[in-house]
Amino acid sequence: MTETTTGQDETSSVSPPSSNGGRLVFVDVLRVALIGLVIAHHAGQAYGPTGGSWPVEDPANSELLGPFFFVNASFFMGLLFLLAGYFVPRSYDRKGPGQFLQDRWMRIGVPLVFFALVVHAPIVYLSESPQPSLGEFVRSLYESGWQNLYIHLWFLGHLLLYSAGYVVWRLVADRRTDRPRRTWPPPNHAAIVAFVVGLAVATWVVRGWYPIDEWVPLLYVLAAEPAHLPQYVSLFTLGVLAYRGDWLRQWSARTGMIWLTIGVAASAGLSALWLLAPEVDITAGGGFNWRALVLSSWEAVICAGLCVGLIVLFRRAFRRTNRLLVAMAAASYAAYIVHWMIVVGIQAGIEGIDLPALVKFGLVTALAVLLAFGIGHLSRRVPGLRVVLGTTPNKPEKAPARHDLSA
């Protein structure tokens, strides 16, 4: 598969083989859909009850976007981390630690540094009024957890960190050559429930100190929102385990449909509570209290249900590829990188137009998806641009044999 969406190598290579020797088409489609959700999430920020700040504050506003924000945040970035982790072992096995880290830096680090320092930093600095001194500006960025510098690219920084952590773990684990590498089978219902409980408790504990939308400078240099770290770290780790056990293809359709139903039902229940009982503050994201525990548990159920369910649903629904899907999958990583500026530009451009909030939301989403994926696709033909967007085509490599997945 094209691994660029998750910041990995093989921008133009194919997915690991499916049972019939072809692409994992459903992963391509799922990845594109998730990037579309990322764009839609940011497109709605100007028109709904966002918990944080946003550059454009349009007077058109709709509470209907509130449930969308919460349900989306419950799973979409975590599922991207799971897909990212899934392809890490294969890349490491093929390249070794040195080449693996070098390629990770070129694919993830270079775009991250370029956009954070060359693009984002000047924009944020010039938007300050009055403009502070350079020292005050850097100090304010640090005190806000670097979030204004990274913006949405914190995801790339975390991929680099988690990939480095995987390398350290492999260097230690591979010294024990007397033991065969363990293969973890796809989680059954009991294991998924255990994950839900563990994620709910971990999220509740972390949010006792760090509520939703509070950002910290992780390891002094990385923007991080601790409130969602249990989800991101655990799903990236599960993605690594999923590769060895071939979970994406081995999860039964029954298991997937049961958990998809649970995830959709939990999402619908939360949305109904949000809209029908606005006096109940279900957005309370922190504190050691029963409400925060219920919210964390609800979120964990949505996360597990939709992650498992969507993987199986897309596997069943998408078995064949086409030129459009291949092009969108190859452009998805670049689309993620550039979409924020496109979204904000469109939002600012239509701010003065008198339209309902949901109409503006749909318009911004559609235009931003077209432009972001279009720029990502065209960038593959521009040498300098494709370097900073991580879309430099590589020669397709032969995918590992099926038995190599458990090696």
Foldseek 3Di string as FASTA:
>chain_A
DQLLQQLADQLQAFAFQDPVGHGLLLVLVLSLVLLLLVLLLLLLPLAEDDPDDDPHNFPFHDPLCVLVNLLNLLASLLLSLLQSLQCLVVLCVVQPDPVRLVRSCQRQVLLQCCCLPVPQLVVVQVVDVPRDDPVVSVVVCQVQQVCSSRVLSLSSVVSSVVSVVVNVVCVVVVVPVVDAFDADAADDPVVLVVQLVVQLVLLQVQQQPFFPPRWHNVVSPGTDRSSCVSSNNVSNVVSNNCLLNVNLNPPDLVRLVVLLVQLVVLSVVVSCCCPVPVVDCLRGGHHNDPSNSVSSSSSSSNNSSCSSNSSSVSSVVDDDDDPVSSLLSSLSQQLSSPLNVQSVVLCVVCSPPDDHSVVSSVVSSVVSSVVSSVCSSVQCVPVVSCSSSSRPRDDHDDRDDPVVSND
